Protein backbone atom coordinates (compact mmCIF):
# COMPACT_ATOMS: atom_id res chain seq x y z
CA MET A 1 92.50 89.02 88.68
CA LYS A 2 91.34 85.44 89.14
CA VAL A 3 92.07 82.66 86.62
CA LEU A 4 89.67 79.71 86.46
CA CYS A 5 90.06 76.57 84.37
CA ASP A 6 87.03 74.80 85.87
CA ILE A 7 83.73 75.78 84.23
CA THR A 8 81.70 74.47 87.18
CA GLU A 9 83.66 76.71 89.55
CA TRP A 10 83.12 79.70 87.26
CA ARG A 11 79.38 79.09 86.92
CA SER A 12 79.02 78.97 90.70
CA LEU A 13 81.02 82.19 91.05
CA ARG A 14 79.00 83.86 88.26
CA ARG A 15 75.81 83.58 90.30
CA SER A 16 77.37 85.72 93.02
CA LEU A 17 78.47 88.58 90.77
CA ALA A 18 76.62 91.89 90.98
CA GLY A 19 76.52 94.62 88.37
CA SER A 20 77.11 94.47 84.63
CA VAL A 21 79.44 91.89 83.10
CA GLY A 22 81.47 92.43 79.94
CA PHE A 23 83.07 89.56 78.03
CA VAL A 24 85.94 89.32 75.53
CA PRO A 25 86.41 85.88 73.96
CA THR A 26 89.96 85.23 72.69
CA MET A 27 92.17 82.41 71.49
CA GLY A 28 95.16 83.87 73.29
CA ALA A 29 98.27 85.32 71.60
CA ILE A 30 96.90 88.60 72.94
CA HIS A 31 97.95 91.84 71.24
CA ALA A 32 96.88 95.48 71.35
CA GLY A 33 93.73 94.72 69.37
CA HIS A 34 92.55 92.36 72.10
CA THR A 35 93.52 94.73 74.89
CA SER A 36 91.53 97.52 73.23
CA LEU A 37 88.43 95.30 73.51
CA MET A 38 89.24 94.53 77.14
CA THR A 39 89.76 98.21 77.93
CA ARG A 40 86.38 99.04 76.37
CA SER A 41 84.76 96.33 78.50
CA VAL A 42 86.47 97.55 81.68
CA THR A 43 85.19 101.06 80.92
CA ASP A 44 81.63 99.93 80.15
CA ASN A 45 81.06 97.33 82.86
CA ASP A 46 81.44 96.54 86.55
CA VAL A 47 83.13 93.20 85.83
CA THR A 48 85.17 92.07 82.82
CA VAL A 49 85.69 88.42 81.89
CA VAL A 50 88.11 87.14 79.22
CA SER A 51 88.24 83.62 77.84
CA ILE A 52 91.42 82.10 76.44
CA TYR A 53 90.63 79.02 74.41
CA VAL A 54 92.12 77.92 71.07
CA ASN A 55 89.05 76.45 69.40
CA PRO A 56 90.00 73.54 67.12
CA THR A 57 86.58 73.25 65.46
CA GLN A 58 87.05 76.52 63.56
CA PHE A 59 90.33 75.47 61.93
CA ASN A 60 89.97 73.82 58.53
CA ASN A 61 93.75 73.44 58.27
CA ALA A 62 95.55 71.23 60.79
CA GLY A 63 98.84 73.02 60.15
CA ASP A 64 97.24 76.37 60.92
CA LEU A 65 96.05 75.04 64.27
CA ALA A 66 99.44 73.53 65.05
CA ASN A 67 101.20 76.83 64.29
CA TYR A 68 98.84 79.00 66.35
CA PRO A 69 100.92 80.86 68.97
CA GLY A 70 100.62 79.73 72.59
CA THR A 71 101.63 82.47 75.05
CA LEU A 72 99.49 81.93 78.14
CA ALA A 73 101.79 83.59 80.72
CA GLU A 74 102.12 86.73 78.59
CA ASP A 75 98.38 86.69 77.84
CA LEU A 76 97.46 86.60 81.52
CA ALA A 77 99.85 89.46 82.26
CA ALA A 78 98.26 91.53 79.48
CA CYS A 79 94.77 90.85 80.85
CA GLU A 80 95.76 91.85 84.35
CA ALA A 81 97.47 95.03 83.15
CA VAL A 82 94.24 96.41 81.67
CA GLY A 83 92.08 95.54 84.67
CA VAL A 84 90.38 92.28 83.68
CA ASP A 85 88.67 90.67 86.68
CA TYR A 86 88.38 87.04 85.57
CA VAL A 87 90.02 84.85 82.94
CA ILE A 88 88.55 81.46 82.10
CA THR A 89 90.73 78.86 80.36
CA PRO A 90 88.53 75.86 79.56
CA THR A 91 89.70 72.62 77.95
CA TYR A 92 88.35 70.88 74.87
CA ASP A 93 86.55 68.34 77.06
CA ASP A 94 84.90 71.20 78.96
CA ILE A 95 83.66 72.94 75.82
CA TYR A 96 82.88 69.85 73.74
CA ALA A 97 81.69 67.29 76.28
CA ASP A 98 79.18 66.32 73.56
CA GLY A 99 82.00 65.57 71.09
CA PHE A 100 80.80 68.42 68.83
CA ARG A 101 77.55 66.57 68.13
CA TYR A 102 75.54 69.76 68.46
CA GLN A 103 76.51 72.63 66.19
CA ILE A 104 75.33 76.10 65.19
CA ASP A 105 75.14 76.22 61.40
CA GLU A 106 74.21 79.44 59.61
CA THR A 107 73.15 78.64 56.05
CA ARG A 108 73.71 81.83 54.01
CA PHE A 109 76.26 84.49 54.90
CA SER A 110 78.63 81.97 56.51
CA ARG A 111 79.06 80.40 53.04
CA GLU A 112 80.36 83.67 51.56
CA LEU A 113 83.72 85.50 51.84
CA CYS A 114 85.87 83.53 54.32
CA GLY A 115 83.22 80.85 54.56
CA ALA A 116 83.56 80.07 50.86
CA HIS A 117 87.25 79.30 51.38
CA ARG A 118 87.20 77.73 54.86
CA LYS A 119 84.61 74.97 54.96
CA GLY A 120 83.04 74.62 58.40
CA HIS A 121 84.96 77.57 59.86
CA PHE A 122 81.96 79.61 60.93
CA THR A 123 80.11 76.58 62.25
CA GLY A 124 83.01 76.14 64.66
CA VAL A 125 83.08 79.86 65.48
CA LEU A 126 79.36 80.20 66.11
CA THR A 127 79.19 76.99 68.13
CA VAL A 128 82.01 77.96 70.47
CA VAL A 129 80.73 81.54 70.84
CA MET A 130 77.26 80.26 71.71
CA LYS A 131 78.78 77.95 74.33
CA LEU A 132 80.99 80.69 75.80
CA LEU A 133 78.12 83.18 75.98
CA ASN A 134 76.03 80.59 77.79
CA ILE A 135 78.89 79.89 80.20
CA VAL A 136 79.76 83.53 80.96
CA HIS A 137 76.26 85.06 80.75
CA PRO A 138 77.58 88.57 80.00
CA ASP A 139 75.54 91.72 79.52
CA ARG A 140 77.86 92.75 76.69
CA ALA A 141 80.39 90.89 74.53
CA TYR A 142 83.06 92.66 72.48
CA PHE A 143 84.28 91.76 68.99
CA GLY A 144 86.78 93.50 66.71
CA GLU A 145 85.75 94.84 63.31
CA LYS A 146 88.79 93.21 61.67
CA ASP A 147 86.72 90.03 61.69
CA TYR A 148 83.65 91.89 60.47
CA GLN A 149 81.94 88.87 58.90
CA GLN A 150 82.34 87.06 62.23
CA PHE A 151 80.88 90.05 64.09
CA LEU A 152 77.81 90.13 61.83
CA LEU A 153 77.24 86.40 62.16
CA VAL A 154 77.55 86.46 65.95
CA ARG A 155 75.29 89.52 66.24
CA ASP A 156 72.65 87.90 64.04
CA MET A 157 72.92 84.56 65.89
CA VAL A 158 72.25 86.34 69.17
CA ASP A 159 69.21 88.04 67.64
CA ALA A 160 67.94 84.82 66.05
CA PHE A 161 68.08 82.88 69.33
CA PHE A 162 66.71 85.74 71.49
CA MET A 163 69.86 85.81 73.64
CA ASP A 164 69.99 88.52 76.27
CA VAL A 165 73.43 89.96 75.45
CA GLU A 166 74.57 93.04 73.52
CA ILE A 167 77.20 92.34 70.85
CA VAL A 168 79.51 95.36 70.64
CA ALA A 169 81.74 96.03 67.61
CA CYS A 170 85.07 97.77 68.23
CA GLU A 171 87.23 99.51 65.65
CA THR A 172 90.17 97.62 64.13
CA VAL A 173 93.55 98.44 65.71
CA ARG A 174 96.33 98.85 63.16
CA GLU A 175 100.09 99.16 62.83
CA ARG A 176 101.50 102.47 61.59
CA ASP A 177 101.45 101.21 57.99
CA GLY A 178 97.80 100.19 58.32
CA LEU A 179 98.24 96.44 58.74
CA ALA A 180 95.48 95.16 61.02
CA LEU A 181 96.79 93.67 64.25
CA SER A 182 96.41 89.90 64.29
CA SER A 183 97.91 86.98 66.17
CA ARG A 184 98.96 85.67 62.76
CA ASN A 185 101.26 88.66 62.19
CA ALA A 186 103.80 87.05 64.52
CA LEU A 187 104.18 84.26 61.97
CA LEU A 188 105.24 86.63 59.15
CA SER A 189 108.84 86.55 57.96
CA CYS A 190 110.61 89.91 57.54
CA GLU A 191 110.11 89.82 53.77
CA ALA A 192 106.46 88.81 54.08
CA ARG A 193 105.88 91.60 56.59
CA LYS A 194 107.16 94.13 54.04
CA ARG A 195 104.73 92.81 51.46
CA ALA A 196 101.89 92.79 54.00
CA SER A 197 102.38 96.54 54.48
CA LYS A 198 100.88 97.10 51.01
CA LEU A 199 97.59 95.39 51.91
CA HIS A 200 95.80 98.26 53.65
CA ARG A 201 96.75 100.88 51.04
CA LEU A 202 95.41 98.72 48.21
CA LEU A 203 92.28 97.89 50.18
CA ARG A 204 91.47 101.59 50.62
CA SER A 205 92.28 102.53 47.02
CA LEU A 206 89.74 103.54 44.39
CA TYR A 207 90.77 100.67 42.12
CA SER A 208 88.12 98.07 41.30
CA ASP A 209 88.10 94.84 43.24
CA ALA A 210 89.53 93.01 40.22
CA GLU A 211 92.35 95.54 39.84
CA VAL A 212 93.21 95.35 43.54
CA ALA A 213 93.38 91.57 43.23
CA ARG A 214 95.73 91.87 40.26
CA LYS A 215 98.00 94.34 42.07
CA MET A 216 98.10 92.16 45.18
CA ALA A 217 99.04 89.13 43.12
CA GLY A 218 101.75 91.24 41.52
CA VAL A 219 103.43 91.90 44.89
CA GLY A 220 103.28 88.28 45.98
CA PHE A 221 99.87 87.64 47.55
CA ASP A 222 97.80 84.55 46.85
CA VAL A 223 94.36 86.18 46.88
CA ASP A 224 91.31 84.29 48.11
CA TYR A 225 88.93 87.16 47.49
CA ILE A 226 88.50 90.92 47.18
CA VAL A 227 84.80 91.73 47.52
CA THR A 228 83.03 95.02 48.11
CA THR A 229 79.64 94.49 49.75
CA LEU A 230 77.59 95.82 52.66
CA GLY A 231 79.39 99.17 52.37
CA ARG A 232 82.79 97.54 53.00
CA ARG A 233 85.62 96.05 51.01
CA PHE A 234 86.71 92.65 52.31
CA VAL A 235 89.97 90.84 51.57
CA ALA A 236 91.58 87.54 52.41
CA ALA A 237 94.99 86.67 51.01
CA SER A 238 97.97 84.51 51.90
CA VAL A 239 101.58 85.57 51.83
CA ASP A 240 104.42 83.07 51.47
CA CYS A 241 106.95 82.92 54.31
CA GLY A 242 109.19 80.20 52.89
CA ASP A 243 108.25 77.08 54.84
CA HIS A 244 104.69 78.24 55.50
CA ALA A 245 102.08 80.73 54.32
CA VAL A 246 100.17 83.21 56.50
CA ARG A 247 96.58 84.07 55.65
CA LEU A 248 95.59 87.67 56.39
CA ILE A 249 92.10 89.16 56.41
CA ASP A 250 90.93 92.75 56.63
CA ASN A 251 88.09 95.07 55.68
CA VAL A 252 87.48 98.80 55.43
CA GLU A 253 84.48 100.99 54.82
CA HIS A 254 84.16 101.39 51.06
CA ALA A 255 81.46 102.47 48.61
CA ASN A 256 79.95 99.65 46.59
């Protein structure tokens, strides 16, 4: 596995690669959910590329960005263990040489669900994904269904701009109690982790969205939304960990 922090070096190398290229964009703090995407890419493609870049433009909370786990050595070891060929680790100045002057702004769905509670979040996500896809030039890029709204927005952005890449959705990887794997889970206190275990069961229940919200509030969640739409039930809620709160998101297939 080769690690490159210089985009110019990568772009020169990219021109020499033969065969299909799969891409998994990450912000590091790699867990089994990420490695499942990487494994899928390794299976599907001749070459697999992973990016590790904590993108500040998608954080609407400075504290959230400051608390994001940084585990580069462990991340690189995890990538190598599943057979990744290249890891790119760009800097802010590499990605935003324009100072974030140019942005990708979706005007409808990005304002709903998480977008209604995190102003500018999806503008940051779509802008960095567009940049990374243009840097890597993959045949396929892999996204987890845990962030299903993100997957839909990226897929539709690629279609809207006639980009020659297939956006592949991969099933959410979960703990035994159903909690979706997330880098944020590492920030949960023991007590908060116990409360978080109730999230998936309530999400899958036959209760109405309003009743699920009430029950979640009753066990200590601060609920942003519970919405059933597009054949799925979506949730975002924060759980208090004493000196900080951790925001969790999830979704499951669910009848409207």
